[in-house]
Amino acid sequence: MNKTLRLVFLASLVLNIILLGVLLGRLPLSGGEPPSRRQRMEQELKKLPEPAQSRIREKFQTIRSAGDPLRAQLDEARVEALRIFSSEPFDEAAYDQQIKKIDGLRGEMFRRMDRAVKQATKELSTDERRLFADVLRRPPPPPA
């Protein structure tokens, strides 16, 4: 093999090793992100017959819509808190007041959603309530 061909071969080999390192470095270490609540719900719902699947999907939509009116207000309150936080001079009293507003909105949103959960569970069978509870549980944290 002549000198030029050896140099091209060596350069190609080095570039391929670098490319392999980059690709392997981008792979997640834990086997991927944990499934979202919606993905977990869909996985669990597939275990049920169709009428129950539709009924539980409808209940989740009802619960979500119970909190929707406050989500926009909560987003606006967060934006305002960040504006206050980054303004000069920093107005500590205004920031504290905005945080109290955010806490109040969050609390009201969860109270509405809790009422919707209670209403929805009254209309489900025992097996459907168990599935509903499994979906509402937080997944265990991924192994470190």
N, C-alpha and C. Protein backbone atom coordinates (compact mmCIF):
# COMPACT_ATOMS: atom_id res chain seq x y z
N MET A 1 0.85 -1.17 0.00
CA MET A 1 0.00 0.00 0.00
C MET A 1 0.89 1.24 0.00
N ASN A 2 0.49 2.19 -0.83
CA ASN A 2 1.32 3.40 -0.85
C ASN A 2 0.97 4.32 0.30
N LYS A 3 1.81 5.31 0.51
CA LYS A 3 1.69 6.20 1.67
C LYS A 3 0.38 6.99 1.69
N THR A 4 -0.11 7.48 0.56
CA THR A 4 -1.34 8.27 0.48
C THR A 4 -2.55 7.41 0.86
N LEU A 5 -2.57 6.19 0.35
CA LEU A 5 -3.68 5.29 0.64
C LEU A 5 -3.72 4.94 2.13
N ARG A 6 -2.55 4.72 2.74
CA ARG A 6 -2.49 4.44 4.17
C ARG A 6 -3.01 5.63 4.98
N LEU A 7 -2.63 6.83 4.59
CA LEU A 7 -3.07 8.03 5.29
C LEU A 7 -4.58 8.21 5.19
N VAL A 8 -5.17 7.99 4.01
CA VAL A 8 -6.61 8.10 3.81
C VAL A 8 -7.33 7.03 4.64
N PHE A 9 -6.77 5.81 4.65
CA PHE A 9 -7.38 4.73 5.43
C PHE A 9 -7.35 5.06 6.92
N LEU A 10 -6.23 5.55 7.42
CA LEU A 10 -6.10 5.91 8.82
C LEU A 10 -7.04 7.05 9.19
N ALA A 11 -7.15 8.07 8.34
CA ALA A 11 -8.06 9.19 8.59
C ALA A 11 -9.51 8.70 8.62
N SER A 12 -9.88 7.81 7.71
CA SER A 12 -11.22 7.25 7.67
C SER A 12 -11.50 6.47 8.95
N LEU A 13 -10.54 5.70 9.39
CA LEU A 13 -10.70 4.91 10.61
C LEU A 13 -10.90 5.83 11.82
N VAL A 14 -10.12 6.88 11.94
CA VAL A 14 -10.24 7.82 13.05
C VAL A 14 -11.60 8.51 13.02
N LEU A 15 -12.05 8.95 11.85
CA LEU A 15 -13.35 9.61 11.74
C LEU A 15 -14.50 8.67 12.10
N ASN A 16 -14.38 7.42 11.69
CA ASN A 16 -15.42 6.44 12.04
C ASN A 16 -15.48 6.19 13.54
N ILE A 17 -14.33 6.14 14.19
CA ILE A 17 -14.31 5.94 15.64
C ILE A 17 -14.92 7.15 16.34
N ILE A 18 -14.61 8.35 15.87
CA ILE A 18 -15.20 9.57 16.46
C ILE A 18 -16.71 9.57 16.26
N LEU A 19 -17.16 9.23 15.06
CA LEU A 19 -18.59 9.18 14.78
C LEU A 19 -19.29 8.16 15.68
N LEU A 20 -18.68 7.01 15.85
CA LEU A 20 -19.26 5.99 16.72
C LEU A 20 -19.34 6.51 18.16
N GLY A 21 -18.31 7.21 18.62
CA GLY A 21 -18.33 7.78 19.97
C GLY A 21 -19.43 8.80 20.14
N VAL A 22 -19.62 9.64 19.13
CA VAL A 22 -20.69 10.65 19.20
C VAL A 22 -22.05 9.98 19.24
N LEU A 23 -22.26 9.00 18.39
CA LEU A 23 -23.55 8.31 18.36
C LEU A 23 -23.83 7.58 19.68
N LEU A 24 -22.84 6.89 20.21
CA LEU A 24 -23.03 6.19 21.48
C LEU A 24 -23.22 7.16 22.63
N GLY A 25 -22.57 8.31 22.57
CA GLY A 25 -22.71 9.32 23.62
C GLY A 25 -24.09 9.94 23.66
N ARG A 26 -24.79 9.93 22.55
CA ARG A 26 -26.14 10.52 22.49
C ARG A 26 -27.22 9.54 22.95
N LEU A 27 -26.89 8.26 23.06
CA LEU A 27 -27.87 7.28 23.50
C LEU A 27 -28.16 7.49 24.99
N PRO A 28 -29.42 7.35 25.38
CA PRO A 28 -29.73 7.50 26.81
C PRO A 28 -29.16 6.34 27.60
N LEU A 29 -28.70 6.64 28.80
CA LEU A 29 -28.10 5.60 29.64
C LEU A 29 -29.14 4.70 30.28
N SER A 30 -30.31 5.23 30.55
CA SER A 30 -31.32 4.47 31.28
C SER A 30 -32.30 3.74 30.37
N GLY A 31 -32.03 3.67 29.10
CA GLY A 31 -32.95 2.98 28.20
C GLY A 31 -34.10 3.85 27.75
N GLY A 32 -33.97 5.14 27.84
CA GLY A 32 -35.01 6.04 27.36
C GLY A 32 -35.71 6.75 28.49
N GLU A 33 -36.52 7.72 28.13
CA GLU A 33 -37.28 8.47 29.12
C GLU A 33 -38.42 7.61 29.64
N PRO A 34 -38.77 7.80 30.90
CA PRO A 34 -39.92 7.05 31.41
C PRO A 34 -41.18 7.51 30.68
N PRO A 35 -42.13 6.62 30.50
CA PRO A 35 -43.34 7.01 29.78
C PRO A 35 -44.11 8.09 30.54
N SER A 36 -44.75 8.96 29.80
CA SER A 36 -45.55 10.01 30.41
C SER A 36 -46.81 9.39 31.00
N ARG A 37 -47.52 10.19 31.79
CA ARG A 37 -48.77 9.71 32.40
C ARG A 37 -49.75 9.29 31.31
N ARG A 38 -49.80 10.06 30.23
CA ARG A 38 -50.72 9.74 29.14
C ARG A 38 -50.33 8.42 28.46
N GLN A 39 -49.03 8.20 28.26
CA GLN A 39 -48.58 6.95 27.66
C GLN A 39 -48.87 5.76 28.58
N ARG A 40 -48.63 5.96 29.88
CA ARG A 40 -48.93 4.88 30.84
C ARG A 40 -50.42 4.58 30.84
N MET A 41 -51.25 5.64 30.76
CA MET A 41 -52.69 5.46 30.75
C MET A 41 -53.09 4.63 29.53
N GLU A 42 -52.54 4.98 28.37
CA GLU A 42 -52.89 4.24 27.16
C GLU A 42 -52.47 2.77 27.25
N GLN A 43 -51.30 2.52 27.82
CA GLN A 43 -50.84 1.14 27.99
C GLN A 43 -51.79 0.36 28.90
N GLU A 44 -52.20 0.98 29.99
CA GLU A 44 -53.10 0.32 30.93
C GLU A 44 -54.50 0.14 30.35
N LEU A 45 -54.96 1.13 29.61
CA LEU A 45 -56.32 1.07 29.05
C LEU A 45 -56.46 -0.05 28.03
N LYS A 46 -55.39 -0.38 27.35
CA LYS A 46 -55.45 -1.45 26.34
C LYS A 46 -55.78 -2.80 26.97
N LYS A 47 -55.63 -2.89 28.28
CA LYS A 47 -55.95 -4.14 28.98
C LYS A 47 -57.45 -4.30 29.21
N LEU A 48 -58.22 -3.23 29.00
CA LEU A 48 -59.65 -3.25 29.27
C LEU A 48 -60.45 -3.39 27.98
N PRO A 49 -61.69 -3.84 28.10
CA PRO A 49 -62.56 -3.88 26.92
C PRO A 49 -62.90 -2.44 26.48
N GLU A 50 -63.29 -2.30 25.22
CA GLU A 50 -63.50 -0.97 24.62
C GLU A 50 -64.46 -0.07 25.39
N PRO A 51 -65.61 -0.51 25.83
CA PRO A 51 -66.49 0.44 26.52
C PRO A 51 -65.83 1.08 27.75
N ALA A 52 -65.07 0.28 28.50
CA ALA A 52 -64.39 0.81 29.68
C ALA A 52 -63.28 1.78 29.28
N GLN A 53 -62.57 1.47 28.19
CA GLN A 53 -61.52 2.37 27.71
C GLN A 53 -62.09 3.76 27.41
N SER A 54 -63.17 3.79 26.68
CA SER A 54 -63.79 5.07 26.32
C SER A 54 -64.27 5.83 27.54
N ARG A 55 -64.87 5.12 28.47
CA ARG A 55 -65.41 5.75 29.67
C ARG A 55 -64.28 6.38 30.50
N ILE A 56 -63.17 5.66 30.66
CA ILE A 56 -62.06 6.19 31.46
C ILE A 56 -61.37 7.35 30.73
N ARG A 57 -61.21 7.25 29.41
CA ARG A 57 -60.64 8.37 28.65
C ARG A 57 -61.50 9.62 28.83
N GLU A 58 -62.80 9.42 28.80
CA GLU A 58 -63.73 10.55 28.99
C GLU A 58 -63.57 11.15 30.38
N LYS A 59 -63.39 10.30 31.40
CA LYS A 59 -63.22 10.80 32.77
C LYS A 59 -61.93 11.61 32.89
N PHE A 60 -60.85 11.11 32.29
CA PHE A 60 -59.59 11.86 32.34
C PHE A 60 -59.73 13.21 31.63
N GLN A 61 -60.45 13.23 30.54
CA GLN A 61 -60.65 14.49 29.83
C GLN A 61 -61.47 15.46 30.69
N THR A 62 -62.46 14.95 31.39
CA THR A 62 -63.26 15.78 32.28
C THR A 62 -62.40 16.37 33.40
N ILE A 63 -61.53 15.54 33.97
CA ILE A 63 -60.65 16.00 35.05
C ILE A 63 -59.70 17.08 34.52
N ARG A 64 -59.13 16.83 33.37
CA ARG A 64 -58.20 17.81 32.79
C ARG A 64 -58.92 19.12 32.50
N SER A 65 -60.10 19.05 31.95
CA SER A 65 -60.82 20.27 31.60
C SER A 65 -61.25 21.05 32.85
N ALA A 66 -61.36 20.37 33.99
CA ALA A 66 -61.70 21.07 35.23
C ALA A 66 -60.60 22.06 35.61
N GLY A 67 -59.35 21.74 35.29
CA GLY A 67 -58.24 22.62 35.62
C GLY A 67 -57.86 23.59 34.52
N ASP A 68 -58.37 23.37 33.30
CA ASP A 68 -57.96 24.19 32.16
C ASP A 68 -58.18 25.69 32.32
N PRO A 69 -59.32 26.14 32.84
CA PRO A 69 -59.51 27.60 32.93
C PRO A 69 -58.43 28.29 33.77
N LEU A 70 -57.92 27.59 34.76
CA LEU A 70 -56.91 28.20 35.63
C LEU A 70 -55.49 28.06 35.08
N ARG A 71 -55.28 27.14 34.14
CA ARG A 71 -53.93 26.96 33.59
C ARG A 71 -53.42 28.22 32.89
N ALA A 72 -54.29 28.87 32.12
CA ALA A 72 -53.88 30.09 31.43
C ALA A 72 -53.55 31.19 32.44
N GLN A 73 -54.38 31.31 33.48
CA GLN A 73 -54.10 32.31 34.52
C GLN A 73 -52.79 32.00 35.25
N LEU A 74 -52.54 30.72 35.47
CA LEU A 74 -51.31 30.30 36.14
C LEU A 74 -50.10 30.64 35.28
N ASP A 75 -50.19 30.40 33.98
CA ASP A 75 -49.09 30.75 33.08
C ASP A 75 -48.83 32.25 33.08
N GLU A 76 -49.89 33.03 33.03
CA GLU A 76 -49.73 34.49 33.07
C GLU A 76 -49.10 34.94 34.38
N ALA A 77 -49.51 34.34 35.48
CA ALA A 77 -48.95 34.71 36.78
C ALA A 77 -47.47 34.35 36.85
N ARG A 78 -47.07 33.24 36.26
CA ARG A 78 -45.65 32.86 36.24
C ARG A 78 -44.84 33.85 35.42
N VAL A 79 -45.38 34.24 34.27
CA VAL A 79 -44.69 35.22 33.43
C VAL A 79 -44.51 36.53 34.20
N GLU A 80 -45.54 36.95 34.90
CA GLU A 80 -45.47 38.19 35.68
C GLU A 80 -44.45 38.06 36.82
N ALA A 81 -44.41 36.89 37.46
CA ALA A 81 -43.43 36.68 38.54
C ALA A 81 -42.01 36.76 37.98
N LEU A 82 -41.79 36.20 36.81
CA LEU A 82 -40.46 36.28 36.20
C LEU A 82 -40.11 37.71 35.80
N ARG A 83 -41.12 38.46 35.35
CA ARG A 83 -40.88 39.86 34.99
C ARG A 83 -40.47 40.64 36.24
N ILE A 84 -41.19 40.43 37.34
CA ILE A 84 -40.87 41.11 38.59
C ILE A 84 -39.48 40.69 39.08
N PHE A 85 -39.21 39.40 38.98
CA PHE A 85 -37.94 38.84 39.42
C PHE A 85 -36.75 39.46 38.69
N SER A 86 -36.92 39.73 37.41
CA SER A 86 -35.80 40.21 36.61
C SER A 86 -35.76 41.73 36.47
N SER A 87 -36.72 42.45 37.04
CA SER A 87 -36.73 43.90 36.90
C SER A 87 -35.76 44.54 37.89
N GLU A 88 -35.40 45.76 37.59
CA GLU A 88 -34.47 46.50 38.43
C GLU A 88 -35.16 47.77 38.89
N PRO A 89 -35.26 48.10 40.09
CA PRO A 89 -34.83 47.35 41.26
C PRO A 89 -35.82 46.23 41.57
N PHE A 90 -35.33 45.22 42.24
CA PHE A 90 -36.14 44.07 42.59
C PHE A 90 -37.16 44.46 43.67
N ASP A 91 -38.44 44.25 43.35
CA ASP A 91 -39.52 44.58 44.29
C ASP A 91 -39.93 43.29 45.01
N GLU A 92 -39.35 43.10 46.17
CA GLU A 92 -39.55 41.86 46.92
C GLU A 92 -41.01 41.67 47.32
N ALA A 93 -41.68 42.74 47.71
CA ALA A 93 -43.08 42.64 48.13
C ALA A 93 -43.97 42.23 46.95
N ALA A 94 -43.74 42.82 45.79
CA ALA A 94 -44.53 42.46 44.60
C ALA A 94 -44.27 41.01 44.21
N TYR A 95 -43.02 40.58 44.32
CA TYR A 95 -42.68 39.19 43.98
C TYR A 95 -43.38 38.23 44.94
N ASP A 96 -43.33 38.53 46.24
CA ASP A 96 -43.99 37.68 47.23
C ASP A 96 -45.50 37.61 46.97
N GLN A 97 -46.08 38.75 46.63
CA GLN A 97 -47.52 38.79 46.34
C GLN A 97 -47.84 37.93 45.11
N GLN A 98 -46.98 38.00 44.09
CA GLN A 98 -47.21 37.21 42.87
C GLN A 98 -47.08 35.71 43.17
N ILE A 99 -46.14 35.34 44.01
CA ILE A 99 -45.97 33.93 44.39
C ILE A 99 -47.19 33.44 45.15
N LYS A 100 -47.75 34.28 46.02
CA LYS A 100 -48.98 33.91 46.73
C LYS A 100 -50.12 33.71 45.75
N LYS A 101 -50.18 34.55 44.74
CA LYS A 101 -51.22 34.42 43.72
C LYS A 101 -51.06 33.09 42.97
N ILE A 102 -49.82 32.75 42.61
CA ILE A 102 -49.55 31.48 41.92
C ILE A 102 -49.96 30.30 42.81
N ASP A 103 -49.59 30.35 44.08
CA ASP A 103 -49.96 29.28 45.01
C ASP A 103 -51.47 29.15 45.12
N GLY A 104 -52.17 30.27 45.19
CA GLY A 104 -53.64 30.24 45.26
C GLY A 104 -54.27 29.64 44.01
N LEU A 105 -53.76 30.04 42.84
CA LEU A 105 -54.29 29.50 41.58
C LEU A 105 -54.02 28.00 41.48
N ARG A 106 -52.82 27.61 41.87
CA ARG A 106 -52.46 26.19 41.83
C ARG A 106 -53.36 25.39 42.76
N GLY A 107 -53.58 25.92 43.96
CA GLY A 107 -54.45 25.24 44.93
C GLY A 107 -55.87 25.11 44.41
N GLU A 108 -56.39 26.18 43.83
CA GLU A 108 -57.76 26.14 43.28
C GLU A 108 -57.85 25.15 42.12
N MET A 109 -56.82 25.11 41.27
CA MET A 109 -56.83 24.18 40.14
C MET A 109 -56.88 22.74 40.65
N PHE A 110 -56.07 22.43 41.66
CA PHE A 110 -56.07 21.07 42.20
C PHE A 110 -57.36 20.74 42.93
N ARG A 111 -57.97 21.73 43.60
CA ARG A 111 -59.26 21.47 44.26
C ARG A 111 -60.32 21.12 43.21
N ARG A 112 -60.34 21.86 42.11
CA ARG A 112 -61.31 21.56 41.04
C ARG A 112 -61.07 20.19 40.44
N MET A 113 -59.80 19.87 40.22
CA MET A 113 -59.48 18.57 39.65
C MET A 113 -59.81 17.45 40.63
N ASP A 114 -59.58 17.68 41.91
CA ASP A 114 -59.93 16.68 42.93
C ASP A 114 -61.43 16.40 42.94
N ARG A 115 -62.22 17.47 42.85
CA ARG A 115 -63.68 17.27 42.80
C ARG A 115 -64.07 16.47 41.56
N ALA A 116 -63.42 16.75 40.43
CA ALA A 116 -63.72 16.01 39.20
C ALA A 116 -63.30 14.54 39.33
N VAL A 117 -62.18 14.27 40.00
CA VAL A 117 -61.75 12.88 40.22
C VAL A 117 -62.78 12.17 41.08
N LYS A 118 -63.22 12.81 42.15
CA LYS A 118 -64.20 12.19 43.04
C LYS A 118 -65.49 11.87 42.29
N GLN A 119 -65.95 12.81 41.48
CA GLN A 119 -67.17 12.58 40.70
C GLN A 119 -66.98 11.46 39.69
N ALA A 120 -65.82 11.45 39.03
CA ALA A 120 -65.56 10.43 38.02
C ALA A 120 -65.49 9.04 38.63
N THR A 121 -64.87 8.91 39.80
CA THR A 121 -64.71 7.59 40.39
C THR A 121 -66.04 7.02 40.89
N LYS A 122 -66.98 7.87 41.20
CA LYS A 122 -68.30 7.38 41.62
C LYS A 122 -68.96 6.58 40.51
N GLU A 123 -68.64 6.90 39.28
CA GLU A 123 -69.32 6.29 38.14
C GLU A 123 -68.56 5.11 37.55
N LEU A 124 -67.44 4.69 38.17
CA LEU A 124 -66.63 3.59 37.64
C LEU A 124 -66.82 2.33 38.46
N SER A 125 -66.58 1.19 37.83
CA SER A 125 -66.61 -0.08 38.55
C SER A 125 -65.35 -0.20 39.40
N THR A 126 -65.32 -1.22 40.25
CA THR A 126 -64.17 -1.43 41.13
C THR A 126 -62.89 -1.64 40.32
N ASP A 127 -62.95 -2.49 39.29
CA ASP A 127 -61.77 -2.73 38.46
C ASP A 127 -61.33 -1.47 37.74
N GLU A 128 -62.29 -0.69 37.26
CA GLU A 128 -61.95 0.55 36.57
C GLU A 128 -61.33 1.55 37.55
N ARG A 129 -61.82 1.57 38.78
CA ARG A 129 -61.23 2.48 39.79
C ARG A 129 -59.80 2.07 40.11
N ARG A 130 -59.53 0.77 40.18
CA ARG A 130 -58.15 0.30 40.43
C ARG A 130 -57.23 0.76 39.30
N LEU A 131 -57.68 0.58 38.07
CA LEU A 131 -56.88 1.01 36.92
C LEU A 131 -56.67 2.52 36.96
N PHE A 132 -57.72 3.23 37.26
CA PHE A 132 -57.68 4.70 37.36
C PHE A 132 -56.63 5.11 38.40
N ALA A 133 -56.64 4.44 39.54
CA ALA A 133 -55.67 4.75 40.61
C ALA A 133 -54.25 4.44 40.15
N ASP A 134 -54.06 3.33 39.44
CA ASP A 134 -52.72 2.98 38.94
C ASP A 134 -52.18 4.05 38.01
N VAL A 135 -53.05 4.57 37.17
CA VAL A 135 -52.61 5.59 36.22
C VAL A 135 -52.30 6.90 36.94
N LEU A 136 -53.07 7.21 37.99
CA LEU A 136 -52.84 8.46 38.72
C LEU A 136 -51.60 8.43 39.60
N ARG A 137 -51.14 7.23 39.97
CA ARG A 137 -49.93 7.12 40.80
C ARG A 137 -48.73 7.62 40.03
N ARG A 138 -47.83 8.25 40.75
CA ARG A 138 -46.57 8.67 40.13
C ARG A 138 -45.72 7.44 39.91
N PRO A 139 -45.02 7.38 38.76
CA PRO A 139 -44.16 6.22 38.53
C PRO A 139 -42.95 6.29 39.47
N PRO A 140 -42.34 5.14 39.77
CA PRO A 140 -41.15 5.18 40.62
C PRO A 140 -40.04 5.92 39.89
N PRO A 141 -39.16 6.58 40.63
CA PRO A 141 -38.08 7.30 39.97
C PRO A 141 -37.17 6.32 39.24
N PRO A 142 -36.57 6.76 38.12
CA PRO A 142 -35.69 5.87 37.38
C PRO A 142 -34.46 5.54 38.22
N PRO A 143 -33.92 4.33 38.03
CA PRO A 143 -32.72 3.96 38.81
C PRO A 143 -31.56 4.89 38.46
N ALA A 144 -30.78 5.20 39.47
CA ALA A 144 -29.66 6.13 39.27
C ALA A 144 -28.46 5.46 38.66
